[in-house]
Amino acid sequence: MAEAPVLIERDGGLVTLTLNRPDSYNAIDGAMMQGLLDALVECDEDASVRAVLLTGAGKAFCAGGDLKAMQAEDAAARSVGVFLKRLTVPVHGAIATMARMEKPVIGAVNGVAGGAGFSFALACDLVLAAESAAFTMAYTKAGLAPDGGSSFFLPRVVGPKRAYELMVNNAVLSAHEARDLGIVNEVYRDASFMAEARAYAGRIAAGPTRAFGAAKRLIAHSPESSLETQMEHERRAIAACGGTEDFREGVAAFVDKRPAKFSGN
């Protein structure tokens, strides 16, 4: 029996999702994207899940779209446009779910992140990279327009001119270069990468989940909000958090001079 296209591992409040097509460098296909979407929806709806770690099996994070499958569609005189429109439904559903769920989504980029793989990394709230990881847009290199939310996320991180340059020149960024541009938060040695990534994600999963979710929503609203509108979002968010168990625990821990034990509630 073939292995699942997305592996799901639970460790307390942390769920690790692993893209699992290592022989094709985790290039996306319909089955893998539907599996990822289904898993993300489950994580979104399960209140006991407090953080999600997304990574890839084998040597790559995700090499992007399966160009051989697209070539086969074209060779068989079938519409590549139809193929791509069908494939992007679960891709976009997965990315929208990552961006909108309250729980933090952490990308553990263990190797190349190209095309849609780069897009998935950009959609994560936090990105960790192995030293050997590499990032490239790659879409226009294959004569395709950028996809997977990359035209939304990338300009917000690096600015519109640098984003366009990355899209047309298809530069390959090292992990350290990606960190310098603000795409990556932390870079770890290859030998200890997944252990470091799991430890980092575990710390996030042990945090005040609802406060993290509020911060995530506030950042998402910020680019389109006036100062007054953003401060109203903040006012309502901080008031809502003031009624949580984690607020009470955080204050008690501060007063007692001890580490807080957050429950995510």
Protein backbone atom coordinates (compact mmCIF):
# COMPACT_ATOMS: atom_id res chain seq x y z
CA MET A 1 0.00 0.00 0.00
CA ALA A 2 1.33 3.43 -0.97
CA GLU A 3 2.17 5.85 1.82
CA ALA A 4 -0.15 8.77 2.44
CA PRO A 5 0.76 11.89 0.41
CA VAL A 6 0.76 13.91 3.65
CA LEU A 7 2.05 12.41 6.89
CA ILE A 8 0.40 13.58 10.12
CA GLU A 9 2.16 13.36 13.47
CA ARG A 10 0.76 14.59 16.79
CA ASP A 11 2.85 15.55 19.81
CA GLY A 12 0.66 17.19 22.44
CA GLY A 13 -0.68 20.41 20.96
CA LEU A 14 1.75 20.35 18.03
CA VAL A 15 0.79 18.71 14.73
CA THR A 16 3.53 18.08 12.16
CA LEU A 17 2.38 17.79 8.53
CA THR A 18 4.96 16.34 6.14
CA LEU A 19 4.58 16.59 2.36
CA ASN A 20 5.36 13.06 1.28
CA ARG A 21 6.40 12.69 -2.35
CA PRO A 22 10.16 12.54 -1.74
CA ASP A 23 10.95 10.84 -5.07
CA SER A 24 9.65 13.92 -6.87
CA TYR A 25 11.03 16.41 -4.31
CA ASN A 26 7.49 16.81 -2.99
CA ALA A 27 6.26 18.40 -6.21
CA ILE A 28 2.58 19.07 -5.77
CA ASP A 29 -0.19 16.99 -7.26
CA GLY A 30 -3.93 16.82 -6.61
CA ALA A 31 -3.77 14.01 -4.06
CA MET A 32 -1.08 15.67 -1.97
CA MET A 33 -2.81 19.05 -2.02
CA GLN A 34 -6.18 17.58 -1.11
CA GLY A 35 -4.50 15.66 1.71
CA LEU A 36 -2.84 18.85 2.95
CA LEU A 37 -6.08 20.81 2.77
CA ASP A 38 -7.97 18.11 4.66
CA ALA A 39 -5.30 17.96 7.37
CA LEU A 40 -5.19 21.74 7.76
CA VAL A 41 -8.97 21.96 8.06
CA GLU A 42 -8.85 19.32 10.80
CA CYS A 43 -6.14 21.30 12.61
CA ASP A 44 -8.14 24.49 12.24
CA GLU A 45 -11.25 22.92 13.75
CA ASP A 46 -9.57 20.91 16.53
CA ALA A 47 -9.31 23.16 19.60
CA SER A 48 -6.63 20.91 21.13
CA VAL A 49 -4.23 21.71 18.24
CA ARG A 50 -2.16 24.73 19.22
CA ALA A 51 0.42 24.95 16.43
CA VAL A 52 1.17 23.33 13.07
CA LEU A 53 4.64 22.51 11.70
CA LEU A 54 4.82 22.05 7.91
CA THR A 55 7.82 20.30 6.34
CA GLY A 56 8.81 17.98 3.50
CA ALA A 57 9.99 14.39 3.35
CA GLY A 58 13.43 13.60 1.98
CA LYS A 59 15.80 16.24 0.58
CA ALA A 60 13.26 18.91 -0.38
CA PHE A 61 10.58 21.02 1.23
CA CYS A 62 8.57 21.31 -1.98
CA ALA A 63 9.90 21.77 -5.51
CA GLY A 64 6.66 23.37 -6.71
CA GLY A 65 4.30 22.18 -9.42
CA ASP A 66 4.81 18.86 -11.15
CA LEU A 67 6.02 20.10 -14.55
CA LYS A 68 6.22 16.57 -15.94
CA ALA A 69 2.50 16.11 -15.25
CA MET A 70 1.77 19.41 -16.99
CA GLN A 71 3.89 18.35 -19.96
CA ALA A 72 1.99 15.06 -20.15
CA GLU A 73 -1.33 16.92 -20.22
CA ASP A 74 -0.06 19.10 -23.05
CA ALA A 75 1.32 16.12 -24.99
CA ALA A 76 -2.05 14.38 -24.73
CA ALA A 77 -3.72 17.45 -26.23
CA ARG A 78 -5.53 18.15 -22.97
CA SER A 79 -5.84 21.69 -21.68
CA VAL A 80 -3.06 22.58 -19.26
CA GLY A 81 -5.20 25.54 -18.23
CA VAL A 82 -7.98 23.20 -17.07
CA PHE A 83 -5.39 21.04 -15.26
CA LEU A 84 -3.97 24.08 -13.43
CA LYS A 85 -7.36 25.53 -12.51
CA ARG A 86 -8.33 22.22 -10.92
CA LEU A 87 -5.02 21.87 -9.09
CA THR A 88 -5.05 25.39 -7.69
CA VAL A 89 -8.38 24.83 -5.91
CA PRO A 90 -6.88 22.70 -3.09
CA VAL A 91 -3.60 24.67 -3.23
CA HIS A 92 -5.38 27.95 -2.60
CA GLY A 93 -7.72 26.35 -0.07
CA ALA A 94 -4.73 25.06 1.90
CA ILE A 95 -2.95 28.42 1.84
CA ALA A 96 -6.09 30.33 2.83
CA THR A 97 -6.64 27.93 5.73
CA MET A 98 -3.04 28.40 6.89
CA ALA A 99 -3.39 32.17 6.74
CA ARG A 100 -6.76 32.34 8.49
CA MET A 101 -6.50 29.70 11.21
CA GLU A 102 -5.91 31.00 14.73
CA LYS A 103 -3.09 28.56 15.42
CA PRO A 104 0.44 29.55 14.33
CA VAL A 105 1.72 27.70 11.25
CA ILE A 106 5.48 27.20 11.20
CA GLY A 107 7.32 26.23 8.03
CA ALA A 108 10.33 23.95 8.47
CA VAL A 109 12.09 24.34 5.13
CA ASN A 110 14.46 21.39 5.03
CA GLY A 111 15.60 21.76 1.41
CA VAL A 112 14.58 23.49 -1.80
CA ALA A 113 11.40 25.58 -1.74
CA GLY A 114 10.64 26.37 -5.36
CA GLY A 115 7.52 27.77 -7.03
CA ALA A 116 4.54 26.65 -4.98
CA GLY A 117 6.97 25.46 -2.32
CA PHE A 118 8.17 29.04 -1.94
CA SER A 119 4.53 30.12 -1.84
CA PHE A 120 3.80 27.70 0.99
CA ALA A 121 6.78 29.00 2.94
CA LEU A 122 5.58 32.59 2.47
CA ALA A 123 2.10 31.64 3.73
CA CYS A 124 3.50 30.29 7.01
CA ASP A 125 3.45 32.61 10.00
CA LEU A 126 7.03 31.72 10.93
CA VAL A 127 9.70 30.11 8.74
CA LEU A 128 12.66 28.03 9.89
CA ALA A 129 15.28 26.92 7.37
CA ALA A 130 18.09 24.43 7.23
CA GLU A 131 21.42 25.92 6.14
CA SER A 132 21.21 23.99 2.86
CA ALA A 133 17.68 25.22 2.09
CA ALA A 134 17.14 27.30 -1.04
CA PHE A 135 14.28 29.51 -2.16
CA THR A 136 13.33 30.42 -5.72
CA MET A 137 10.12 31.65 -7.32
CA ALA A 138 10.72 29.63 -10.51
CA TYR A 139 7.24 30.23 -11.98
CA THR A 140 8.27 32.49 -14.86
CA LYS A 141 11.23 30.21 -15.58
CA ALA A 142 8.61 27.71 -16.77
CA GLY A 143 6.56 30.41 -18.52
CA LEU A 144 3.96 30.53 -15.76
CA ALA A 145 2.58 33.38 -13.68
CA PRO A 146 3.24 33.37 -9.94
CA ASP A 147 0.65 31.53 -7.89
CA GLY A 148 -0.14 30.18 -4.45
CA GLY A 149 -0.60 33.59 -2.86
CA SER A 150 3.00 34.56 -3.60
CA SER A 151 1.95 37.81 -5.28
CA PHE A 152 0.12 38.68 -2.04
CA PHE A 153 2.68 37.62 0.56
CA LEU A 154 6.04 38.34 -1.09
CA PRO A 155 5.56 42.09 -1.77
CA ARG A 156 4.44 42.53 1.83
CA VAL A 157 7.68 41.00 3.07
CA VAL A 158 10.31 42.36 0.67
CA GLY A 159 8.52 45.24 -1.10
CA PRO A 160 7.02 45.32 -4.62
CA LYS A 161 10.20 46.00 -6.61
CA ARG A 162 12.24 43.26 -4.92
CA ALA A 163 9.28 40.87 -5.23
CA TYR A 164 9.01 41.55 -8.95
CA GLU A 165 12.75 41.09 -9.35
CA LEU A 166 12.57 37.67 -7.65
CA MET A 167 9.64 36.73 -9.89
CA VAL A 168 11.32 37.66 -13.18
CA ASN A 169 14.95 36.82 -12.45
CA ASN A 170 14.22 33.64 -10.46
CA ALA A 171 17.24 34.13 -8.24
CA VAL A 172 18.01 31.23 -5.93
CA LEU A 173 18.22 32.54 -2.37
CA SER A 174 20.23 30.75 0.25
CA ALA A 175 18.71 30.28 3.69
CA HIS A 176 20.81 33.17 5.04
CA GLU A 177 19.86 35.45 2.13
CA ALA A 178 16.19 34.63 2.70
CA ARG A 179 16.62 35.46 6.38
CA ASP A 180 18.24 38.80 5.50
CA LEU A 181 15.19 39.63 3.35
CA GLY A 182 12.77 38.76 6.17
CA ILE A 183 11.44 35.60 4.50
CA VAL A 184 13.04 33.29 7.08
CA ASN A 185 13.07 33.76 10.86
CA GLU A 186 15.77 31.30 11.93
CA VAL A 187 18.45 29.22 10.19
CA TYR A 188 19.70 25.98 11.78
CA ARG A 189 22.46 23.54 10.91
CA ASP A 190 21.35 20.67 8.68
CA ALA A 191 22.40 17.99 11.15
CA SER A 192 20.15 19.30 13.91
CA PHE A 193 17.49 21.00 11.79
CA MET A 194 14.37 18.95 12.50
CA ALA A 195 15.20 18.63 16.19
CA GLU A 196 15.62 22.42 16.38
CA ALA A 197 12.44 23.01 14.34
CA ARG A 198 10.36 20.69 16.52
CA ALA A 199 11.71 22.31 19.69
CA TYR A 200 10.91 25.79 18.33
CA ALA A 201 7.41 24.74 17.25
CA GLY A 202 6.87 23.00 20.57
CA ARG A 203 7.57 26.26 22.40
CA ILE A 204 5.03 28.03 20.22
CA ALA A 205 2.47 25.25 20.80
CA ALA A 206 2.87 25.70 24.55
CA GLY A 207 2.03 29.41 24.33
CA PRO A 208 -1.21 31.41 24.72
CA THR A 209 -2.88 30.25 21.50
CA ARG A 210 -5.72 32.76 21.49
CA ALA A 211 -3.36 35.68 22.01
CA PHE A 212 -1.19 34.36 19.18
CA GLY A 213 -4.29 34.13 16.99
CA ALA A 214 -5.26 37.69 17.85
CA ALA A 215 -1.77 38.91 16.93
CA LYS A 216 -1.99 37.02 13.63
CA ARG A 217 -5.33 38.65 12.78
CA LEU A 218 -4.10 42.10 13.74
CA ILE A 219 -1.09 41.80 11.44
CA ALA A 220 -3.37 40.59 8.61
CA HIS A 221 -5.65 43.62 9.05
CA SER A 222 -2.87 46.17 9.39
CA PRO A 223 -1.95 46.91 5.74
CA GLU A 224 -5.54 47.82 4.82
CA SER A 225 -6.44 49.67 8.05
CA SER A 226 -6.16 53.28 9.06
CA LEU A 227 -4.49 53.95 12.41
CA GLU A 228 -7.85 54.49 14.09
CA THR A 229 -9.36 51.33 12.57
CA GLN A 230 -6.32 49.27 13.57
CA MET A 231 -6.44 50.58 17.12
CA GLU A 232 -10.11 49.60 17.32
CA HIS A 233 -9.17 46.09 16.21
CA GLU A 234 -6.49 46.12 18.92
CA ARG A 235 -8.93 47.37 21.56
CA ARG A 236 -11.37 44.58 20.88
CA ALA A 237 -8.66 41.93 20.63
CA ILE A 238 -6.94 42.82 23.90
CA ALA A 239 -10.29 43.00 25.69
CA ALA A 240 -11.24 39.55 24.40
CA CYS A 241 -7.90 38.13 25.54
CA GLY A 242 -8.46 39.69 28.96
CA GLY A 243 -11.27 37.19 29.52
CA THR A 244 -9.18 34.08 28.83
CA GLU A 245 -7.72 31.50 31.18
CA ASP A 246 -4.31 32.13 29.64
CA PHE A 247 -4.48 35.80 30.64
CA ARG A 248 -5.18 34.82 34.24
CA GLU A 249 -2.36 32.28 34.18
CA GLY A 250 0.07 34.74 32.58
CA VAL A 251 -0.62 37.38 35.22
CA ALA A 252 -0.43 34.85 38.07
CA ALA A 253 2.87 33.51 36.75
CA PHE A 254 4.28 37.04 36.51
CA VAL A 255 3.23 37.86 40.07
CA ASP A 256 4.51 34.51 41.38
CA LYS A 257 7.75 34.86 39.42
CA ARG A 258 7.39 31.44 37.76
CA PRO A 259 7.06 30.19 34.14
CA ALA A 260 3.49 30.34 32.85
CA LYS A 261 1.68 27.11 31.97
CA PHE A 262 -0.68 28.13 29.23
CA SER A 263 -3.60 25.91 28.21
CA GLY A 264 -4.55 27.61 24.97
CA ASN A 265 -7.90 28.69 26.43
